[in-house]
Amino acid sequence: MIQLPDIPRSDWRLLRAPLLCLAGALLLAGLVLAFCAQVWQRSTEQWAQAQTRLQQAQSAADAIEREYRAAEAGKAHFLKLQASGIVGKERRGEWLELFDRANAAGVMPQLRYRIEAQRPLEHASPIGNSMVYASHMTLQYRARHEAAFSAAHRLLAEAPGHAVPVRCRVGRVSENEPGLAVDCDYLWLTIAPVARPTGKGSAP
């Protein structure tokens, strides 16, 4: 057993002040460390919250950019469709002029055609406030050769709207007569606002 030396009471009085200072310093150091730990924890939490807010803001900005790009792409596609005559009213007058020019230029000689009334495309559903409409068209003409038939088909593809071939018969006119007899059915498609019903009780 270790015995501590006896320290006279007068020496304790001399050591009291340094010991009290040491104890106070240790207590102050502990308080400073505790305060620093709290500040560090609070700073870490604030940094994490700031990082979360930054990521949320970045995600929102990315979403807005994607929506903007999609809207721009959709707008460009819509304008392209509108310029091609697919979107809007049926442009039957331009089709008839096209047929007359093609017949006169020899692209579709001996042309006969019939275009039925426009109606909603069968089994088609509305696209927002719009609908796909179809005008059934029959074309019969003579083509000098296959290249002439291809040229006539390209001419229809460049016309307003979108001509979709649904049936086409191409064959020789006869054994003694050159050229091809063409008999084709098309659906001429356009996209236009849904037609309002007419008659009593309909909306104005």
Protein backbone atom coordinates (compact mmCIF):
# COMPACT_ATOMS: atom_id res chain seq x y z
CA MET A 1 0.00 0.00 0.00
CA ILE A 2 1.39 3.35 -1.05
CA GLN A 3 1.32 6.03 1.48
CA LEU A 4 1.14 9.62 0.32
CA PRO A 5 3.38 11.96 2.17
CA ASP A 6 1.77 14.25 4.62
CA ILE A 7 1.47 17.76 3.30
CA PRO A 8 1.36 20.45 5.88
CA ARG A 9 -1.82 22.47 6.04
CA SER A 10 0.10 25.61 5.21
CA ASP A 11 1.26 24.01 1.92
CA TRP A 12 -2.37 23.10 1.04
CA ARG A 13 -3.24 26.72 1.38
CA LEU A 14 -0.49 27.56 -1.07
CA LEU A 15 -1.63 24.84 -3.54
CA ARG A 16 -5.33 25.69 -3.34
CA ALA A 17 -5.21 28.51 -5.80
CA PRO A 18 -3.27 26.64 -8.55
CA LEU A 19 -5.49 23.60 -8.09
CA LEU A 20 -8.61 25.71 -8.35
CA CYS A 21 -7.23 27.33 -11.48
CA LEU A 22 -6.43 23.91 -12.96
CA ALA A 23 -9.90 22.61 -12.18
CA GLY A 24 -11.45 25.72 -13.69
CA ALA A 25 -9.30 25.37 -16.79
CA LEU A 26 -10.30 21.72 -17.18
CA LEU A 27 -13.97 22.62 -16.75
CA LEU A 28 -13.66 25.44 -19.28
CA ALA A 29 -11.89 23.13 -21.73
CA GLY A 30 -14.71 20.59 -21.33
CA LEU A 31 -17.32 23.28 -21.97
CA VAL A 32 -15.44 24.51 -25.05
CA LEU A 33 -15.16 20.97 -26.40
CA ALA A 34 -18.88 20.37 -25.83
CA PHE A 35 -19.76 23.67 -27.52
CA CYS A 36 -17.49 22.87 -30.48
CA ALA A 37 -19.09 19.43 -30.79
CA GLN A 38 -22.55 21.00 -30.88
CA VAL A 39 -21.45 23.57 -33.45
CA TRP A 40 -19.88 20.82 -35.59
CA GLN A 41 -23.00 18.67 -35.41
CA ARG A 42 -25.21 21.65 -36.25
CA SER A 43 -22.96 22.64 -39.13
CA THR A 44 -22.97 19.07 -40.44
CA GLU A 45 -26.77 18.95 -40.32
CA GLN A 46 -27.06 22.34 -42.03
CA TRP A 47 -24.59 21.23 -44.71
CA ALA A 48 -26.60 18.03 -45.28
CA GLN A 49 -29.82 20.05 -45.49
CA ALA A 50 -28.19 22.47 -47.93
CA GLN A 51 -26.99 19.54 -50.06
CA THR A 52 -30.50 18.09 -50.05
CA ARG A 53 -32.02 21.43 -51.08
CA LEU A 54 -29.40 21.78 -53.79
CA GLN A 55 -30.16 18.31 -55.15
CA GLN A 56 -33.90 19.04 -55.07
CA ALA A 57 -33.36 22.31 -56.90
CA GLN A 58 -31.16 20.56 -59.48
CA SER A 59 -33.77 17.84 -59.98
CA ALA A 60 -36.49 20.45 -60.44
CA ALA A 61 -34.32 22.36 -62.92
CA ASP A 62 -33.62 19.15 -64.86
CA ALA A 63 -37.34 18.32 -64.96
CA ILE A 64 -38.19 21.82 -66.22
CA GLU A 65 -35.49 21.56 -68.88
CA ARG A 66 -36.84 18.17 -70.02
CA GLU A 67 -40.38 19.55 -70.19
CA TYR A 68 -39.14 22.58 -72.13
CA ARG A 69 -37.23 20.46 -74.62
CA ALA A 70 -40.22 18.14 -75.04
CA ALA A 71 -42.50 21.13 -75.60
CA GLU A 72 -40.09 22.61 -78.13
CA ALA A 73 -39.82 19.28 -79.93
CA GLY A 74 -43.59 18.89 -79.89
CA LYS A 75 -44.05 22.43 -81.16
CA ALA A 76 -41.53 21.87 -83.97
CA HIS A 77 -43.25 18.60 -84.92
CA PHE A 78 -46.66 20.30 -84.87
CA LEU A 79 -45.43 23.14 -87.08
CA LYS A 80 -43.94 20.58 -89.48
CA LEU A 81 -47.26 18.71 -89.67
CA GLN A 82 -49.12 21.99 -90.12
CA ALA A 83 -46.81 23.05 -92.97
CA SER A 84 -47.35 19.68 -94.69
CA GLY A 85 -51.11 20.16 -94.60
CA ILE A 86 -51.82 17.25 -92.27
CA VAL A 87 -53.08 19.52 -89.49
CA GLY A 88 -56.03 21.72 -90.37
CA LYS A 89 -59.00 21.69 -92.66
CA GLU A 90 -59.27 19.41 -95.65
CA ARG A 91 -57.65 21.07 -98.67
CA ARG A 92 -59.68 19.33 -101.35
CA GLY A 93 -59.42 22.27 -103.75
CA GLU A 94 -55.62 21.91 -103.84
CA TRP A 95 -55.97 18.17 -104.49
CA LEU A 96 -58.23 18.78 -107.50
CA GLU A 97 -55.78 21.35 -108.91
CA LEU A 98 -52.98 18.82 -108.42
CA PHE A 99 -54.89 16.15 -110.35
CA ASP A 100 -55.65 18.55 -113.20
CA ARG A 101 -51.98 19.54 -113.49
CA ALA A 102 -50.82 15.91 -113.31
CA ASN A 103 -53.27 14.91 -116.04
CA ALA A 104 -52.26 17.81 -118.28
CA ALA A 105 -48.53 17.14 -117.73
CA GLY A 106 -48.88 13.46 -118.60
CA VAL A 107 -47.98 12.25 -115.12
CA MET A 108 -51.47 10.74 -114.73
CA PRO A 109 -52.89 10.53 -118.27
CA GLN A 110 -56.56 9.62 -118.71
CA LEU A 111 -57.09 10.33 -115.04
CA ARG A 112 -60.40 9.58 -113.39
CA TYR A 113 -60.89 10.15 -109.68
CA ARG A 114 -63.56 10.14 -107.02
CA ILE A 115 -63.21 11.65 -103.54
CA GLU A 116 -65.85 10.79 -100.96
CA ALA A 117 -67.01 12.99 -98.12
CA GLN A 118 -64.63 13.38 -95.23
CA ARG A 119 -65.44 11.44 -92.06
CA PRO A 120 -63.63 10.39 -88.87
CA LEU A 121 -61.12 7.63 -89.43
CA GLU A 122 -62.57 4.27 -88.45
CA HIS A 123 -61.56 3.08 -84.96
CA ALA A 124 -59.67 6.34 -84.33
CA SER A 125 -59.94 8.03 -80.94
CA PRO A 126 -59.87 11.79 -80.36
CA ILE A 127 -56.45 13.37 -79.81
CA GLY A 128 -57.29 15.97 -77.20
CA ASN A 129 -59.77 18.23 -79.00
CA SER A 130 -58.77 16.93 -82.44
CA MET A 131 -59.60 13.90 -84.54
CA VAL A 132 -58.04 12.08 -87.47
CA TYR A 133 -60.31 12.42 -90.50
CA ALA A 134 -60.17 10.41 -93.70
CA SER A 135 -61.39 11.09 -97.23
CA HIS A 136 -61.65 7.91 -99.30
CA MET A 137 -60.29 8.50 -102.80
CA THR A 138 -60.14 6.33 -105.91
CA LEU A 139 -57.66 7.09 -108.70
CA GLN A 140 -57.62 5.45 -112.13
CA TYR A 141 -55.11 6.47 -114.79
CA ARG A 142 -52.61 5.18 -117.33
CA ALA A 143 -48.90 5.16 -116.55
CA ARG A 144 -46.37 4.83 -119.37
CA HIS A 145 -44.12 2.64 -117.23
CA GLU A 146 -43.24 1.81 -113.62
CA ALA A 147 -41.11 4.94 -113.22
CA ALA A 148 -44.12 7.06 -114.20
CA PHE A 149 -46.25 5.23 -111.63
CA SER A 150 -43.58 5.92 -108.95
CA ALA A 151 -43.51 9.60 -109.95
CA ALA A 152 -47.30 9.82 -109.56
CA HIS A 153 -47.05 8.21 -106.13
CA ARG A 154 -44.39 10.73 -105.04
CA LEU A 155 -46.61 13.55 -106.27
CA LEU A 156 -49.39 12.38 -103.97
CA ALA A 157 -46.93 12.13 -101.07
CA GLU A 158 -46.00 15.82 -101.52
CA ALA A 159 -49.63 16.99 -101.60
CA PRO A 160 -51.30 18.60 -98.55
CA GLY A 161 -52.39 16.01 -96.04
CA HIS A 162 -51.24 12.41 -95.96
CA ALA A 163 -52.38 10.01 -98.69
CA VAL A 164 -52.26 6.39 -97.49
CA PRO A 165 -52.63 3.68 -100.16
CA VAL A 166 -55.05 0.96 -99.03
CA ARG A 167 -55.43 -0.93 -102.30
CA CYS A 168 -53.66 -0.71 -105.63
CA ARG A 169 -53.89 -2.77 -108.81
CA VAL A 170 -51.32 -2.18 -111.52
CA GLY A 171 -51.25 -4.20 -114.73
CA ARG A 172 -50.64 -3.96 -118.44
CA VAL A 173 -53.31 -2.18 -120.43
CA SER A 174 -53.35 -4.96 -123.03
CA GLU A 175 -50.96 -7.15 -124.95
CA ASN A 176 -51.03 -4.81 -127.92
CA GLU A 177 -51.04 -1.49 -126.06
CA PRO A 178 -48.05 -0.27 -124.02
CA GLY A 179 -48.38 1.25 -120.58
CA LEU A 180 -49.88 0.34 -117.24
CA ALA A 181 -53.45 0.57 -116.02
CA VAL A 182 -53.49 1.92 -112.45
CA ASP A 183 -56.49 1.55 -110.15
CA CYS A 184 -55.76 2.61 -106.55
CA ASP A 185 -57.71 3.49 -103.42
CA TYR A 186 -56.30 5.94 -100.90
CA LEU A 187 -57.29 7.36 -97.55
CA TRP A 188 -56.43 11.04 -97.47
CA LEU A 189 -55.81 11.82 -93.81
CA THR A 190 -55.97 15.12 -91.99
CA ILE A 191 -56.05 16.10 -88.31
CA ALA A 192 -58.65 18.72 -87.43
CA PRO A 193 -60.72 19.84 -84.42
CA VAL A 194 -63.55 17.51 -83.49
CA ALA A 195 -66.66 18.52 -85.41
CA ARG A 196 -69.50 19.65 -83.23
CA PRO A 197 -72.81 17.87 -83.74
CA THR A 198 -75.47 19.81 -85.61
CA GLY A 199 -79.21 19.78 -85.17
CA LYS A 200 -81.64 20.45 -82.37
CA GLY A 201 -80.25 20.44 -78.92
CA SER A 202 -76.65 20.72 -80.07
CA ALA A 203 -74.24 23.21 -78.59
CA PRO A 204 -73.97 26.49 -80.54
